[in-house]
């Protein structure tokens, strides 16, 4: 594995980085020139300007020569190291750890912690700590005449770099953790969007196939009738009869292919195109799993006191499919689905007789890419997608281990005023 890995999730947006560097460079120029010309402090003015000049050159390189929109993890590391060394030079020339502006040396590291990879961040933190320690023991005196007025205890002096290093580690730790969670959530959401796009595409294809089957039904039937008449008329010509029979068989094959392309070939595609009750949606979802699964699906529902049709939502159907599919995947042989509804709420409960959720991830259910000590458990991506889609459509989703059975239990609850007004 390479030490610094390029990734679409580990990069800096060039324009944002350039703007931040311009702010830093302008701040450095104002500070250096104000201190030198207005306050009359004496320090190596030429070297300070030279350090700022190199900062300007590096920014112009990013603007006019480097054409990509994003800075890769590796290139961002190089530029951030340059920023740290440039700040180190300026602070070295103006008092080192005695200079209150030394706090700015931790900014590149904190900026990188939410955008770049873990190893890159650790390397930048290490270099920053080394620079802080270096500036503590090796630096020019404060600019004249401040150098003669700075008298503090060594305890206070050495507490400055110690506090900076602690603050650096503390801030980077939280930024790295939050940045990692943000990237994982972003990745999971991107996958969810891809899945939903494919789902919409399949539904669209199913509708088009159903329309094609309906439109082509008449001409194919006409061809079949004509072929049958030709068979009767030319029954004595065996060579011709064989061709006609082949034509008739291919017509029948066309009919079968069009039926297979339709999601529901026997009746009109109500599940795709029309609104229905929650009970009917669950029945359709369960039927789709029964075709490929040997597990037993036990669907219980009350005689709906409030069996109003709901507006067809692909998100709701796909979210329910995810949870039912998860139960089907991890059960031993039984899945229990219960639907309850009244004038106020609609509640769907999904249980299985499997091993249930691992205890070490139970409190984190719904987060993507969960890691568990149980090697048979998944990454939690299906749960994340299902929970996100349903909550987007006003559902309350709770996951826990069933108290009545051995497996997992999911409760999905809607207020009817939300469900029936999607």
Protein backbone atom coordinates (compact mmCIF):
# COMPACT_ATOMS: atom_id res chain seq x y z
CA UNK A 1 0.00 0.00 0.00
CA UNK A 2 1.31 3.42 -0.89
CA UNK A 3 1.98 5.74 2.04
CA UNK A 4 0.08 8.64 0.48
CA UNK A 5 -2.95 7.41 -1.42
CA UNK A 6 -4.79 9.49 -3.99
CA UNK A 7 -8.54 9.29 -3.62
CA UNK A 8 -11.57 11.21 -4.79
CA UNK A 9 -12.43 11.64 -1.11
CA UNK A 10 -8.97 12.95 -0.17
CA UNK A 11 -8.41 16.17 -2.05
CA UNK A 12 -8.49 19.93 -1.68
CA UNK A 13 -10.53 22.24 -3.87
CA UNK A 14 -7.90 24.39 -5.53
CA UNK A 15 -9.88 27.64 -5.64
CA UNK A 16 -10.72 27.49 -1.93
CA UNK A 17 -7.12 26.71 -0.99
CA UNK A 18 -5.80 29.55 -3.17
CA UNK A 19 -8.19 32.06 -1.60
CA UNK A 20 -7.17 30.99 1.92
CA UNK A 21 -3.50 31.36 0.99
CA UNK A 22 -4.10 34.87 -0.39
CA UNK A 23 -5.72 35.82 2.91
CA UNK A 24 -2.68 34.46 4.77
CA UNK A 25 -0.20 36.23 2.47
CA UNK A 26 -2.01 39.57 2.74
CA UNK A 27 -2.08 39.17 6.53
CA UNK A 28 1.66 38.47 6.57
CA UNK A 29 2.41 41.53 4.42
CA UNK A 30 0.30 43.80 6.61
CA UNK A 31 1.94 42.48 9.79
CA UNK A 32 5.53 42.72 8.49
CA UNK A 33 5.16 46.20 6.98
CA UNK A 34 3.15 47.59 9.90
CA UNK A 35 5.69 46.36 12.45
CA UNK A 36 8.66 47.58 10.39
CA UNK A 37 7.46 50.99 9.16
CA UNK A 38 4.83 52.07 11.68
CA UNK A 39 6.22 50.68 14.95
CA UNK A 40 9.84 50.89 13.84
CA UNK A 41 10.80 47.45 15.13
CA UNK A 42 14.09 46.03 13.87
CA UNK A 43 14.30 42.53 12.38
CA UNK A 44 15.52 40.93 9.16
CA UNK A 45 13.06 42.73 6.88
CA UNK A 46 14.61 41.41 3.66
CA UNK A 47 14.38 37.68 4.57
CA UNK A 48 10.83 38.15 5.83
CA UNK A 49 9.83 39.65 2.47
CA UNK A 50 11.67 36.87 0.65
CA UNK A 51 9.64 34.22 2.53
CA UNK A 52 6.39 36.01 1.63
CA UNK A 53 7.56 36.34 -1.99
CA UNK A 54 7.96 32.57 -2.28
CA UNK A 55 4.43 32.20 -0.91
CA UNK A 56 3.14 34.50 -3.68
CA UNK A 57 5.07 32.55 -6.34
CA UNK A 58 3.62 29.24 -5.15
CA UNK A 59 0.10 30.64 -5.31
CA UNK A 60 0.67 32.00 -8.82
CA UNK A 61 1.88 28.52 -9.81
CA UNK A 62 -1.43 27.05 -8.65
CA UNK A 63 -3.40 29.68 -10.55
CA UNK A 64 -1.61 29.78 -13.91
CA UNK A 65 0.31 26.52 -14.29
CA UNK A 66 -1.52 23.84 -12.31
CA UNK A 67 -4.75 23.38 -14.30
CA UNK A 68 -6.63 20.77 -12.29
CA UNK A 69 -9.59 21.79 -10.13
CA UNK A 70 -8.62 19.56 -7.19
CA UNK A 71 -5.29 19.13 -5.42
CA UNK A 72 -4.53 15.46 -4.87
CA UNK A 73 -3.60 14.16 -1.44
CA UNK A 74 0.09 14.03 -2.37
CA UNK A 75 0.27 17.50 -3.94
CA UNK A 76 -1.77 19.07 -1.13
CA UNK A 77 0.74 17.60 1.33
CA UNK A 78 3.64 19.30 -0.47
CA UNK A 79 1.96 22.71 -0.50
CA UNK A 80 0.85 22.47 3.12
CA UNK A 81 4.39 21.54 4.16
CA UNK A 82 5.58 24.59 2.23
CA UNK A 83 3.08 26.74 4.17
CA UNK A 84 4.34 25.33 7.47
CA UNK A 85 8.00 25.95 6.59
CA UNK A 86 7.22 29.46 5.29
CA UNK A 87 5.46 30.34 8.54
CA UNK A 88 8.34 28.80 10.48
CA UNK A 89 10.82 31.10 8.70
CA UNK A 90 8.75 34.21 9.45
CA UNK A 91 8.31 33.29 13.10
CA UNK A 92 12.00 32.31 13.37
CA UNK A 93 12.95 35.82 12.23
CA UNK A 94 10.58 37.52 14.70
CA UNK A 95 11.10 35.83 18.06
CA UNK A 96 10.15 32.16 17.71
CA UNK A 97 7.94 30.85 20.51
CA UNK A 98 7.94 34.32 22.08
CA UNK A 99 6.03 35.65 19.07
CA UNK A 100 2.25 35.43 19.75
CA UNK A 101 1.67 34.81 16.02
CA UNK A 102 3.16 31.32 16.46
CA UNK A 103 -0.39 30.05 16.89
CA UNK A 104 -0.88 30.42 13.12
CA UNK A 105 1.55 27.55 12.52
CA UNK A 106 -1.15 25.02 13.49
CA UNK A 107 -3.66 26.32 10.89
CA UNK A 108 -2.37 24.31 7.86
CA UNK A 109 -2.60 21.09 9.86
CA UNK A 110 -6.15 21.78 11.04
CA UNK A 111 -7.20 22.79 7.53
CA UNK A 112 -5.81 19.52 6.14
CA UNK A 113 -7.39 17.31 8.80
CA UNK A 114 -10.92 17.47 7.32
CA UNK A 115 -9.87 17.06 3.69
CA UNK A 116 -6.90 14.73 3.44
CA UNK A 117 -6.09 11.14 4.38
CA UNK A 118 -5.23 9.95 7.87
CA UNK A 119 -1.57 9.16 7.15
CA UNK A 120 -1.09 12.51 5.44
CA UNK A 121 -2.63 14.29 8.42
CA UNK A 122 -0.45 12.43 10.91
CA UNK A 123 2.63 13.34 8.91
CA UNK A 124 1.66 17.04 8.83
CA UNK A 125 0.93 17.02 12.59
CA UNK A 126 4.35 15.46 13.22
CA UNK A 127 6.15 18.08 11.10
CA UNK A 128 4.19 20.89 12.81
CA UNK A 129 5.19 19.59 16.26
CA UNK A 130 8.83 19.44 15.19
CA UNK A 131 8.66 23.04 13.93
CA UNK A 132 7.09 24.22 17.20
CA UNK A 133 9.84 22.52 19.22
CA UNK A 134 12.49 23.95 16.90
CA UNK A 135 11.12 27.49 17.31
CA UNK A 136 11.14 27.05 21.08
CA UNK A 137 14.90 26.45 21.25
CA UNK A 138 16.19 28.07 18.06
CA UNK A 139 15.00 31.49 16.89
CA UNK A 140 16.07 35.10 16.59
CA UNK A 141 15.25 37.44 19.42
CA UNK A 142 12.10 39.48 19.38
CA UNK A 143 12.43 42.61 17.18
CA UNK A 144 14.27 45.49 18.82
CA UNK A 145 13.30 47.12 21.21
CA UNK A 146 10.93 44.33 22.39
CA UNK A 147 13.84 41.98 23.02
CA UNK A 148 14.85 43.92 26.10
CA UNK A 149 11.39 43.89 27.67
CA UNK A 150 10.45 40.19 27.47
CA UNK A 151 11.18 38.62 30.86
CA UNK A 152 9.05 35.67 31.98
CA UNK A 153 9.60 32.47 33.93
CA UNK A 154 10.83 29.42 32.05
CA UNK A 155 7.72 27.62 33.28
CA UNK A 156 5.50 30.03 31.37
CA UNK A 157 7.80 30.15 28.35
CA UNK A 158 7.90 26.37 27.88
CA UNK A 159 4.19 26.05 28.53
CA UNK A 160 3.58 27.95 25.25
CA UNK A 161 4.82 25.18 22.89
CA UNK A 162 3.34 22.49 25.13
CA UNK A 163 -0.10 24.10 24.96
CA UNK A 164 0.22 24.56 21.19
CA UNK A 165 1.09 20.89 20.67
CA UNK A 166 -1.80 19.76 22.89
CA UNK A 167 -4.21 22.06 21.04
CA UNK A 168 -2.86 20.81 17.70
CA UNK A 169 -3.41 17.16 18.60
CA UNK A 170 -6.80 17.80 20.20
CA UNK A 171 -8.19 19.82 17.27
CA UNK A 172 -6.81 17.45 14.65
CA UNK A 173 -8.19 14.40 16.41
CA UNK A 174 -11.74 15.73 16.34
CA UNK A 175 -11.39 17.16 12.84
CA UNK A 176 -10.05 13.84 11.50
CA UNK A 177 -12.84 11.85 13.17
CA UNK A 178 -15.59 14.18 11.95
CA UNK A 179 -14.02 14.40 8.50
CA UNK A 180 -13.87 10.62 8.23
CA UNK A 181 -17.52 10.26 9.26
CA UNK A 182 -18.48 12.95 6.77
CA UNK A 183 -16.61 11.19 3.95
CA UNK A 184 -18.19 7.83 4.77
CA UNK A 185 -21.64 9.38 4.86
CA UNK A 186 -20.95 11.15 1.58
CA UNK A 187 -19.81 7.89 -0.01
CA UNK A 188 -22.88 6.04 1.28
CA UNK A 189 -25.22 8.78 0.06
CA UNK A 190 -23.57 8.67 -3.36
CA UNK A 191 -24.17 4.92 -3.52
CA UNK A 192 -27.76 5.44 -2.43
CA UNK A 193 -28.27 7.96 -5.22
CA UNK A 194 -26.77 5.53 -7.72
CA UNK A 195 -29.09 2.76 -6.54
CA UNK A 196 -32.13 5.01 -6.70
CA UNK A 197 -31.16 6.17 -10.18
CA UNK A 198 -30.93 2.53 -11.28
CA UNK A 199 -34.29 1.84 -9.64
CA UNK A 200 -35.94 4.70 -11.54
CA UNK A 201 -34.26 3.50 -14.72
CA UNK A 202 -35.58 -0.03 -14.23
CA UNK A 203 -39.07 1.27 -13.54
CA UNK A 204 -38.91 3.40 -16.64
CA UNK A 205 -37.67 0.41 -18.65
CA UNK A 206 -40.49 -1.73 -17.26
CA UNK A 207 -43.06 0.84 -18.29
CA UNK A 208 -41.58 1.11 -21.76
CA UNK A 209 -41.49 -2.68 -22.11
CA UNK A 210 -45.14 -2.93 -21.08
CA UNK A 211 -46.04 -0.25 -23.61
CA UNK A 212 -44.00 -2.05 -26.28
CA UNK A 213 -45.72 -5.35 -25.51
CA UNK A 214 -49.10 -3.68 -25.83
CA UNK A 215 -48.22 -1.82 -29.04
CA UNK A 216 -46.56 -4.79 -30.74
CA UNK A 217 -49.27 -7.22 -29.70
CA UNK A 218 -51.51 -6.44 -32.70
CA UNK A 219 -48.92 -6.66 -35.49
CA UNK A 220 -47.41 -9.83 -33.99
CA UNK A 221 -50.87 -11.40 -33.76
CA UNK A 222 -51.50 -10.46 -37.40
CA UNK A 223 -48.23 -12.09 -38.48
CA UNK A 224 -49.15 -15.21 -36.51
CA UNK A 225 -52.62 -15.43 -38.13
CA UNK A 226 -51.17 -14.97 -41.62
CA UNK A 227 -48.55 -17.65 -40.98
CA UNK A 228 -51.28 -20.06 -39.87
CA UNK A 229 -53.28 -19.38 -43.07
CA UNK A 230 -50.18 -19.86 -45.20
CA UNK A 231 -49.55 -23.18 -43.47
CA UNK A 232 -53.01 -24.38 -44.49
CA UNK A 233 -52.65 -23.13 -48.06
CA UNK A 234 -49.13 -24.45 -48.64
CA UNK A 235 -49.33 -27.66 -46.62
CA UNK A 236 -48.04 -29.70 -49.55
CA UNK A 237 -44.83 -27.68 -49.91
CA UNK A 238 -42.65 -29.01 -47.10
CA UNK A 239 -39.75 -26.61 -47.63
CA UNK A 240 -42.02 -23.58 -47.42
CA UNK A 241 -43.94 -25.03 -44.45
CA UNK A 242 -40.72 -25.34 -42.46
CA UNK A 243 -39.94 -21.66 -43.04
CA UNK A 244 -43.45 -20.63 -42.04
CA UNK A 245 -43.29 -22.71 -38.86
CA UNK A 246 -39.94 -21.08 -38.03
CA UNK A 247 -41.52 -17.66 -38.59
CA UNK A 248 -44.44 -18.58 -36.32
CA UNK A 249 -42.10 -19.83 -33.58
CA UNK A 250 -40.09 -16.61 -33.73
CA UNK A 251 -43.28 -14.56 -33.39
CA UNK A 252 -44.15 -16.54 -30.27
CA UNK A 253 -40.61 -15.99 -28.98
CA UNK A 254 -41.01 -12.24 -29.47
CA UNK A 255 -44.19 -12.37 -27.37
CA UNK A 256 -42.41 -14.23 -24.57
CA UNK A 257 -39.46 -11.80 -24.56
CA UNK A 258 -41.79 -8.81 -24.32
CA UNK A 259 -43.63 -10.44 -21.42
CA UNK A 260 -40.39 -11.08 -19.55
CA UNK A 261 -39.35 -7.48 -19.99
CA UNK A 262 -42.60 -6.35 -18.40
CA UNK A 263 -42.46 -6.37 -14.60
CA UNK A 264 -46.03 -7.68 -14.39
CA UNK A 265 -46.93 -9.32 -17.71
CA UNK A 266 -50.35 -10.72 -16.76
CA UNK A 267 -52.04 -7.53 -15.67
CA UNK A 268 -51.46 -3.83 -16.05
CA UNK A 269 -48.51 -2.44 -14.12
CA UNK A 270 -50.46 -1.09 -11.16
CA UNK A 271 -47.54 -1.59 -8.77
CA UNK A 272 -45.44 0.73 -10.87
CA UNK A 273 -47.89 3.31 -12.09
CA UNK A 274 -50.75 3.53 -9.61
CA UNK A 275 -51.17 4.43 -5.97
CA UNK A 276 -52.02 1.63 -3.58
CA UNK A 277 -52.39 0.79 0.11
CA UNK A 278 -49.43 -0.03 2.33
CA UNK A 279 -50.71 -3.59 2.60
CA UNK A 280 -50.61 -4.08 -1.18
CA UNK A 281 -47.13 -2.64 -1.41
CA UNK A 282 -45.90 -5.04 1.26
CA UNK A 283 -47.58 -7.96 -0.51
CA UNK A 284 -45.84 -7.08 -3.77
CA UNK A 285 -42.45 -6.74 -2.05
CA UNK A 286 -42.87 -10.06 -0.22
CA UNK A 287 -43.92 -11.78 -3.47
CA UNK A 288 -40.78 -10.54 -5.20
CA UNK A 289 -38.64 -12.18 -2.48
CA UNK A 290 -40.61 -15.44 -2.48
CA UNK A 291 -39.64 -16.03 -6.11
CA UNK A 292 -35.96 -16.44 -5.18
CA UNK A 293 -35.99 -17.31 -1.47
CA UNK A 294 -36.80 -20.56 0.35
CA UNK A 295 -37.50 -18.72 3.60
CA UNK A 296 -41.01 -18.44 5.04
CA UNK A 297 -42.63 -15.00 5.00
CA UNK A 298 -45.42 -14.57 7.53
CA UNK A 299 -47.39 -11.41 6.76
CA UNK A 300 -49.97 -10.38 9.35
CA UNK A 301 -52.14 -7.33 9.04
CA UNK A 302 -55.19 -5.99 10.78
CA UNK A 303 -58.34 -5.29 8.88
CA UNK A 304 -57.29 -1.79 8.02
CA UNK A 305 -59.43 0.74 9.76
CA UNK A 306 -57.64 3.34 7.66
CA UNK A 307 -56.78 1.61 4.37
CA UNK A 308 -56.43 4.71 2.26
CA UNK A 309 -54.19 4.56 -0.79
CA UNK A 310 -50.89 6.39 -0.57
CA UNK A 311 -49.02 8.21 -3.31
CA UNK A 312 -46.54 5.86 -4.93
CA UNK A 313 -43.05 6.64 -3.61
CA UNK A 314 -40.07 4.74 -4.98
CA UNK A 315 -38.15 5.76 -1.84
CA UNK A 316 -40.69 4.11 0.48
CA UNK A 317 -40.86 0.91 -1.58
CA UNK A 318 -37.09 0.66 -1.83
CA UNK A 319 -36.63 1.46 1.86
CA UNK A 320 -39.08 -1.31 2.85
CA UNK A 321 -37.39 -3.71 0.41
CA UNK A 322 -34.04 -3.02 2.05
CA UNK A 323 -35.25 -3.93 5.53
CA UNK A 324 -37.22 -6.97 4.36
CA UNK A 325 -34.23 -8.05 2.24
CA UNK A 326 -31.96 -7.67 5.25
CA UNK A 327 -34.28 -9.89 7.32
CA UNK A 328 -34.36 -12.43 4.48
CA UNK A 329 -30.56 -12.43 4.33
CA UNK A 330 -29.85 -12.95 8.04
CA UNK A 331 -32.81 -15.08 9.18
CA UNK A 332 -32.66 -18.84 9.76
CA UNK A 333 -35.86 -19.57 7.84
CA UNK A 334 -38.66 -17.23 8.95
CA UNK A 335 -39.47 -13.54 8.47
CA UNK A 336 -42.39 -11.96 10.31
CA UNK A 337 -43.97 -8.81 8.88
CA UNK A 338 -46.78 -7.10 10.71
CA UNK A 339 -48.84 -4.12 9.53
CA UNK A 340 -50.97 -2.12 11.93
CA UNK A 341 -52.90 1.01 11.09
CA UNK A 342 -55.54 3.23 12.63
CA UNK A 343 -56.78 6.75 12.13
CA UNK A 344 -53.57 8.22 13.56
CA UNK A 345 -50.61 6.00 12.62
CA UNK A 346 -49.40 3.32 10.24
CA UNK A 347 -46.81 0.93 11.70
CA UNK A 348 -44.79 -1.76 9.91
CA UNK A 349 -42.81 -4.24 12.03
CA UNK A 350 -40.23 -6.56 10.45
CA UNK A 351 -38.71 -9.39 12.51
CA UNK A 352 -36.60 -12.43 11.75
CA UNK A 353 -35.46 -15.54 13.62
CA UNK A 354 -31.73 -14.99 13.03
CA UNK A 355 -29.02 -13.97 15.50
CA UNK A 356 -30.04 -10.31 15.65
CA UNK A 357 -27.82 -7.25 15.55
CA UNK A 358 -24.35 -7.57 17.15
CA UNK A 359 -24.36 -5.85 20.54
CA UNK A 360 -21.32 -3.72 19.72
CA UNK A 361 -23.11 -1.90 16.87
CA UNK A 362 -26.64 -1.86 18.28
CA UNK A 363 -26.40 1.78 19.37
CA UNK A 364 -25.04 2.80 15.95
CA UNK A 365 -27.66 1.16 13.73
CA UNK A 366 -28.36 3.40 10.75
CA UNK A 367 -24.78 4.61 10.29
CA UNK A 368 -22.94 3.44 7.14
CA UNK A 369 -19.87 1.17 7.17
CA UNK A 370 -20.25 -0.19 10.67
CA UNK A 371 -17.48 -2.46 11.94
CA UNK A 372 -18.44 -5.33 14.21
CA UNK A 373 -16.59 -8.15 15.89
CA UNK A 374 -19.10 -10.48 14.21
CA UNK A 375 -17.54 -11.42 10.86
CA UNK A 376 -20.94 -12.50 9.49
CA UNK A 377 -22.45 -9.04 9.86
CA UNK A 378 -22.57 -6.62 6.93
CA UNK A 379 -21.32 -3.08 6.65
CA UNK A 380 -24.65 -1.49 7.54
CA UNK A 381 -25.00 0.17 4.15
CA UNK A 382 -28.40 -1.43 3.43
CA UNK A 383 -29.73 -0.31 6.81
CA UNK A 384 -28.36 3.18 6.24
CA UNK A 385 -29.99 3.46 2.80
CA UNK A 386 -33.33 2.07 4.00
CA UNK A 387 -33.41 4.28 7.09
CA UNK A 388 -32.42 7.39 5.15
CA UNK A 389 -35.03 6.83 2.42
CA UNK A 390 -37.85 6.18 4.87
CA UNK A 391 -36.97 9.05 7.19
CA UNK A 392 -36.85 11.30 4.14
CA UNK A 393 -40.50 10.35 3.69
CA UNK A 394 -41.51 11.25 7.28
CA UNK A 395 -41.11 7.78 8.82
CA UNK A 396 -39.65 7.08 12.26
CA UNK A 397 -37.37 4.03 12.10
CA UNK A 398 -36.20 2.11 15.17
CA UNK A 399 -33.94 -0.95 15.08
CA UNK A 400 -33.25 -3.31 17.96
CA UNK A 401 -33.15 -7.01 18.81
CA UNK A 402 -36.55 -8.62 19.19
CA UNK A 403 -37.73 -9.43 22.70
CA UNK A 404 -40.15 -12.12 21.47
CA UNK A 405 -37.92 -13.79 18.87
CA UNK A 406 -34.20 -14.42 18.53
CA UNK A 407 -33.49 -12.06 15.64
CA UNK A 408 -33.58 -8.40 14.73
CA UNK A 409 -36.64 -6.18 14.80
CA UNK A 410 -37.35 -3.02 12.81
CA UNK A 411 -40.31 -0.76 13.52
CA UNK A 412 -41.29 1.79 10.87
CA UNK A 413 -43.93 4.28 11.90
CA UNK A 414 -45.72 7.03 10.01
CA UNK A 415 -48.25 9.56 11.11
CA UNK A 416 -51.10 9.18 8.64
CA UNK A 417 -51.26 12.92 8.04
CA UNK A 418 -47.67 12.70 6.71
CA UNK A 419 -47.97 9.38 4.90
CA UNK A 420 -51.09 10.23 2.94
CA UNK A 421 -49.91 13.71 1.96
CA UNK A 422 -46.57 12.84 0.41
